[in-house]
Amino acid sequence: MEFCERKKRERGRLVPTTPGGGVSCEDYELALEALLPPPKLEWLKIEHYRGNTFPSTWITSLTKLKSLILGNVSNCKNLHPLGKLPSLERLYILSMNNVKKVDNVFWGMESGTSSSSSSSYFFPKLEILEFRYMYPWKEWDNDNAKKGEDKEHIKFMPCLAALRIFSCPSLKALPDSLLQRTTLKELIIEFCDILRERYKEGTAEDWHKISHIPKIRIEGGNIVFDLSILLVTPDFSASNQDLMHCGLQQRRAKCEQRKKRRTFAVMAFTLSSI
């Protein structure tokens, strides 16, 4: 297996290729495991990855990672072992179109975890969780995590402050255990017809479950975010024009900060025959 590293300014685009023959899921998994990320990496975007799993070796090397974007990782059905990343604050998941149900298996929580005598932390510092373009996704079952939290065996996303769901039209409901978090300050639901009807302000059957959240937006706004930088949702109180200006300033500031740190990377997987 060969690896090419193309450098453009401070951003690295890593393009692994395999000579001859077809490309299997194992090839992608081997490639990702071989691309050992630098230990001080804080921002990472992975695109078009076709492996079934993520390498467990990354947990020991990505201890500083704060932001992770997974785009079009279509063969993955779970995020094991990403829940153990100790510093991860922002997680963006796009187009995982093999996922129809999000549950403890998806998050990489073993079935026996909730009965363990010792506490287990999953996504211990995660503040922002965002899903986009998950069209087949229908169910979000958080019961096992909730049971573990009740028994104090599991700490699941204890710092979650923002939950954002875009273009997930088949998703039927959000887990009560996350909506009831006192840490949750922001909820965005856009282009999700079933969720819109379920949580519509004032009249919907489950409006009372989210009415305590300080910032709520359901089917509103037209801002398009640039994933090649960092997703930013501006303040809801401003007009659309102000929001766009505010968002652009924030994105530029974030970009300048990362240029100074040089601690981010993009991995775009294009394994193919040559």
Protein backbone atom coordinates (compact mmCIF):
# COMPACT_ATOMS: atom_id res chain seq x y z
CA MET A 1 0.00 0.00 0.00
CA GLU A 2 1.26 3.43 -0.93
CA PHE A 3 0.53 6.76 0.70
CA CYS A 4 0.81 10.23 -0.81
CA GLU A 5 0.82 13.35 1.34
CA ARG A 6 -0.10 16.51 -0.52
CA LYS A 7 0.56 19.66 1.46
CA LYS A 8 -1.34 22.87 0.85
CA ARG A 9 -0.38 25.54 3.34
CA GLU A 10 -0.99 24.13 6.80
CA ARG A 11 -3.68 21.66 5.76
CA GLY A 12 -2.67 18.08 4.95
CA ARG A 13 -4.78 16.03 2.53
CA LEU A 14 -3.79 12.41 2.91
CA VAL A 15 -4.70 10.25 -0.07
CA PRO A 16 -3.94 6.52 0.31
CA THR A 17 -4.07 4.36 -2.83
CA THR A 18 -3.73 0.63 -3.46
CA PRO A 19 -2.04 -0.55 -6.68
CA GLY A 20 -3.86 -3.23 -8.70
CA GLY A 21 -6.95 -5.26 -7.77
CA GLY A 22 -10.07 -4.06 -6.01
CA VAL A 23 -10.40 -2.21 -2.75
CA SER A 24 -11.96 -3.78 0.32
CA CYS A 25 -13.17 -2.41 3.65
CA GLU A 26 -10.03 -3.90 5.20
CA ASP A 27 -7.87 -1.77 2.89
CA TYR A 28 -9.53 1.38 4.21
CA GLU A 29 -9.17 0.21 7.81
CA LEU A 30 -5.48 -0.59 7.33
CA ALA A 31 -4.93 2.78 5.65
CA LEU A 32 -6.59 4.72 8.46
CA GLU A 33 -4.68 2.81 11.12
CA ALA A 34 -1.39 3.42 9.30
CA LEU A 35 -2.01 7.17 9.07
CA LEU A 36 -1.01 7.77 12.66
CA PRO A 37 -2.20 11.30 13.51
CA PRO A 38 0.13 13.68 15.35
CA PRO A 39 -0.39 13.59 19.12
CA LYS A 40 -1.26 17.32 19.34
CA LEU A 41 -3.98 17.19 16.69
CA GLU A 42 -7.05 19.21 17.74
CA TRP A 43 -9.24 19.27 14.60
CA LEU A 44 -9.84 16.38 12.20
CA LYS A 45 -12.14 15.80 9.26
CA ILE A 46 -12.49 12.34 7.70
CA GLU A 47 -14.26 12.04 4.34
CA HIS A 48 -15.29 9.11 2.15
CA TYR A 49 -13.91 6.50 4.51
CA ARG A 50 -15.24 3.06 3.54
CA GLY A 51 -14.04 0.95 6.43
CA ASN A 52 -16.43 -0.71 8.86
CA THR A 53 -14.67 0.43 12.05
CA PHE A 54 -12.30 3.05 13.38
CA PRO A 55 -8.90 1.99 14.74
CA SER A 56 -8.74 1.49 18.50
CA THR A 57 -5.09 2.64 18.43
CA TRP A 58 -6.28 6.19 17.86
CA ILE A 59 -7.54 6.53 21.40
CA THR A 60 -4.01 6.65 22.75
CA SER A 61 -2.78 9.12 20.10
CA LEU A 62 -5.71 11.55 19.78
CA THR A 63 -5.81 12.67 23.39
CA LYS A 64 -5.87 16.38 22.38
CA LEU A 65 -8.55 16.10 19.67
CA LYS A 66 -11.39 18.61 20.23
CA SER A 67 -13.32 18.64 16.94
CA LEU A 68 -14.15 15.70 14.68
CA ILE A 69 -16.14 15.74 11.43
CA LEU A 70 -17.12 12.43 9.83
CA GLY A 71 -18.39 12.93 6.29
CA ASN A 72 -19.83 10.15 4.12
CA VAL A 73 -18.38 7.28 6.14
CA SER A 74 -21.08 5.12 4.62
CA ASN A 75 -19.96 1.63 5.71
CA CYS A 76 -19.61 2.43 9.40
CA LYS A 77 -22.51 1.38 11.59
CA ASN A 78 -21.01 2.45 14.91
CA LEU A 79 -18.53 4.92 16.37
CA HIS A 80 -16.59 2.52 18.56
CA PRO A 81 -14.12 3.48 20.03
CA LEU A 82 -14.52 7.25 19.49
CA GLY A 83 -16.56 7.64 22.68
CA LYS A 84 -13.37 7.22 24.66
CA LEU A 85 -11.62 10.26 23.15
CA PRO A 86 -10.88 12.23 26.34
CA SER A 87 -10.86 15.80 24.95
CA LEU A 88 -13.47 15.65 22.17
CA GLU A 89 -15.83 18.65 22.45
CA ARG A 90 -17.50 18.81 19.02
CA LEU A 91 -18.72 15.89 16.89
CA TYR A 92 -20.32 16.32 13.45
CA ILE A 93 -21.72 13.25 11.68
CA LEU A 94 -22.78 13.48 8.04
CA SER A 95 -24.21 10.91 5.63
CA MET A 96 -23.73 7.72 7.62
CA ASN A 97 -26.36 6.16 5.41
CA ASN A 98 -25.98 2.61 6.67
CA VAL A 99 -27.34 3.67 10.05
CA LYS A 100 -31.03 3.09 10.72
CA LYS A 101 -30.84 2.96 14.49
CA VAL A 102 -28.66 4.82 16.98
CA ASP A 103 -28.26 2.92 20.26
CA ASN A 104 -25.59 1.69 22.63
CA VAL A 105 -24.05 -0.41 19.84
CA PHE A 106 -23.74 2.66 17.62
CA TRP A 107 -21.95 4.58 20.37
CA GLY A 108 -19.63 1.64 21.04
CA MET A 109 -21.01 0.85 24.47
CA GLU A 110 -20.64 -2.84 25.20
CA SER A 111 -23.74 -4.62 26.44
CA GLY A 112 -22.16 -5.44 29.76
CA THR A 113 -21.06 -1.91 30.56
CA SER A 114 -24.17 -0.89 32.46
CA SER A 115 -23.77 -3.73 34.93
CA SER A 116 -20.16 -2.99 35.67
CA SER A 117 -19.19 -1.99 39.19
CA SER A 118 -16.89 0.78 37.93
CA SER A 119 -17.93 3.96 36.14
CA SER A 120 -17.43 4.28 32.38
CA TYR A 121 -17.32 7.61 30.55
CA PHE A 122 -18.45 8.00 26.95
CA PHE A 123 -17.78 11.32 25.23
CA PRO A 124 -16.84 12.83 28.61
CA LYS A 125 -16.29 16.41 27.32
CA LEU A 126 -18.59 16.50 24.29
CA GLU A 127 -20.50 19.80 24.11
CA ILE A 128 -21.82 19.88 20.52
CA LEU A 129 -23.40 16.92 18.73
CA GLU A 130 -24.65 17.39 15.18
CA PHE A 131 -26.19 15.00 12.65
CA ARG A 132 -26.77 15.85 8.97
CA TYR A 133 -28.12 14.00 5.94
CA MET A 134 -28.90 10.74 7.75
CA TYR A 135 -31.83 9.82 5.51
CA PRO A 136 -32.45 6.14 6.52
CA TRP A 137 -32.07 6.89 10.25
CA LYS A 138 -35.35 6.12 12.05
CA GLU A 139 -34.69 5.34 15.71
CA TRP A 140 -32.62 6.80 18.51
CA ASP A 141 -32.68 4.48 21.51
CA ASN A 142 -30.83 5.80 24.55
CA ASP A 143 -32.37 3.47 27.13
CA ASN A 144 -29.25 1.46 27.94
CA ALA A 145 -27.18 4.58 28.50
CA LYS A 146 -29.94 6.04 30.69
CA LYS A 147 -30.13 2.87 32.80
CA GLY A 148 -26.37 2.94 33.28
CA GLU A 149 -26.49 6.59 34.32
CA ASP A 150 -29.25 5.85 36.83
CA LYS A 151 -27.02 3.18 38.38
CA GLU A 152 -24.03 5.53 38.17
CA HIS A 153 -22.13 3.03 36.04
CA ILE A 154 -22.17 5.14 32.88
CA LYS A 155 -21.51 8.82 32.26
CA PHE A 156 -22.81 9.48 28.74
CA MET A 157 -22.18 12.92 27.23
CA PRO A 158 -22.37 14.62 30.65
CA CYS A 159 -21.43 18.03 29.18
CA LEU A 160 -23.74 18.08 26.14
CA ALA A 161 -24.82 21.70 25.51
CA ALA A 162 -26.00 21.73 21.88
CA LEU A 163 -27.91 19.13 19.85
CA ARG A 164 -28.43 19.80 16.14
CA ILE A 165 -30.32 17.63 13.68
CA PHE A 166 -30.43 18.58 9.97
CA SER A 167 -32.04 16.67 7.10
CA CYS A 168 -32.92 13.48 8.94
CA PRO A 169 -36.48 13.11 7.60
CA SER A 170 -37.10 9.56 8.86
CA LEU A 171 -36.07 10.09 12.48
CA LYS A 172 -39.13 9.59 14.69
CA ALA A 173 -38.06 11.02 18.06
CA LEU A 174 -35.18 12.31 20.17
CA PRO A 175 -34.21 10.52 23.39
CA ASP A 176 -35.85 12.01 26.48
CA SER A 177 -32.74 11.37 28.53
CA LEU A 178 -30.75 13.84 26.40
CA LEU A 179 -33.52 16.42 26.11
CA GLN A 180 -33.87 16.51 29.89
CA ARG A 181 -30.22 17.36 30.49
CA THR A 182 -29.75 20.52 32.49
CA THR A 183 -26.58 21.15 30.46
CA LEU A 184 -28.51 21.27 27.15
CA LYS A 185 -28.88 24.92 26.09
CA GLU A 186 -29.48 24.67 22.36
CA LEU A 187 -31.66 22.49 20.12
CA ILE A 188 -31.86 22.86 16.34
CA ILE A 189 -34.13 20.73 14.13
CA GLU A 190 -34.24 21.52 10.42
CA PHE A 191 -35.67 19.64 7.45
CA CYS A 192 -36.88 16.79 9.67
CA ASP A 193 -40.62 16.53 8.99
CA ILE A 194 -41.46 13.97 11.66
CA LEU A 195 -39.48 15.73 14.37
CA ARG A 196 -40.94 19.08 13.40
CA GLU A 197 -44.46 17.82 13.95
CA ARG A 198 -43.52 16.06 17.16
CA TYR A 199 -41.85 19.05 18.81
CA LYS A 200 -43.71 22.00 17.26
CA GLU A 201 -44.00 24.90 19.67
CA GLY A 202 -47.07 24.98 21.83
CA THR A 203 -49.23 22.41 20.03
CA ALA A 204 -47.11 19.31 19.48
CA GLU A 205 -47.34 16.25 21.74
CA ASP A 206 -43.74 16.52 22.96
CA TRP A 207 -43.27 20.28 23.05
CA HIS A 208 -43.25 20.12 26.86
CA LYS A 209 -40.14 17.94 26.71
CA ILE A 210 -38.06 20.67 25.07
CA SER A 211 -39.74 23.90 26.20
CA HIS A 212 -37.18 24.40 28.99
CA ILE A 213 -34.25 24.61 26.53
CA PRO A 214 -33.10 28.25 26.23
CA LYS A 215 -32.42 28.24 22.46
CA ILE A 216 -34.69 26.28 20.15
CA ARG A 217 -34.95 26.46 16.37
CA ILE A 218 -37.22 24.15 14.41
CA GLU A 219 -37.30 24.42 10.61
CA GLY A 220 -35.79 27.91 10.47
CA GLY A 221 -32.90 29.75 8.85
CA ASN A 222 -31.08 29.36 5.56
CA ILE A 223 -27.41 29.57 6.48
CA VAL A 224 -25.10 27.13 4.71
CA PHE A 225 -22.02 26.18 6.69
CA ASP A 226 -18.64 25.46 5.18
CA LEU A 227 -17.52 22.07 6.51
CA SER A 228 -13.99 22.62 5.19
CA ILE A 229 -13.56 25.12 8.01
CA LEU A 230 -15.59 24.48 11.16
CA LEU A 231 -19.34 24.36 11.57
CA VAL A 232 -20.58 27.34 13.52
CA THR A 233 -24.17 28.15 14.47
CA PRO A 234 -24.54 31.88 15.25
CA ASP A 235 -26.86 33.47 17.77
CA PHE A 236 -30.56 33.01 17.00
CA SER A 237 -31.56 36.51 18.12
CA ALA A 238 -30.10 38.35 15.12
CA SER A 239 -31.53 38.76 11.63
CA ASN A 240 -30.47 36.42 8.80
CA GLN A 241 -28.12 39.06 7.38
CA ASP A 242 -26.56 39.63 10.78
CA LEU A 243 -26.29 35.90 11.29
CA MET A 244 -24.42 35.41 8.03
CA HIS A 245 -22.02 38.25 8.85
CA CYS A 246 -21.53 36.97 12.40
CA GLY A 247 -21.00 33.41 11.17
CA LEU A 248 -18.42 34.53 8.60
CA GLN A 249 -16.48 36.46 11.22
CA GLN A 250 -16.52 33.49 13.57
CA ARG A 251 -15.36 31.09 10.87
CA ARG A 252 -12.52 33.41 9.86
CA ALA A 253 -11.43 33.78 13.47
CA LYS A 254 -11.50 30.02 13.97
CA CYS A 255 -9.49 29.50 10.81
CA GLU A 256 -6.82 32.03 11.85
CA GLN A 257 -6.53 30.39 15.25
CA ARG A 258 -5.99 26.99 13.66
CA LYS A 259 -3.40 28.36 11.25
CA LYS A 260 -1.41 29.57 14.23
CA ARG A 261 -1.69 26.24 16.04
CA ARG A 262 -1.16 24.03 12.96
CA THR A 263 -2.97 21.26 14.73
CA PHE A 264 -5.65 20.22 12.25
CA ALA A 265 -5.90 17.88 9.28
CA VAL A 266 -8.20 16.57 6.60
CA MET A 267 -8.24 12.92 5.60
CA ALA A 268 -10.01 12.31 2.29
CA PHE A 269 -9.97 8.65 1.37
CA THR A 270 -9.80 7.78 -2.33
CA LEU A 271 -8.47 4.24 -2.36
CA SER A 272 -8.52 3.03 -5.94
CA SER A 273 -6.69 0.96 -8.50
CA ILE A 274 -3.82 2.55 -10.40
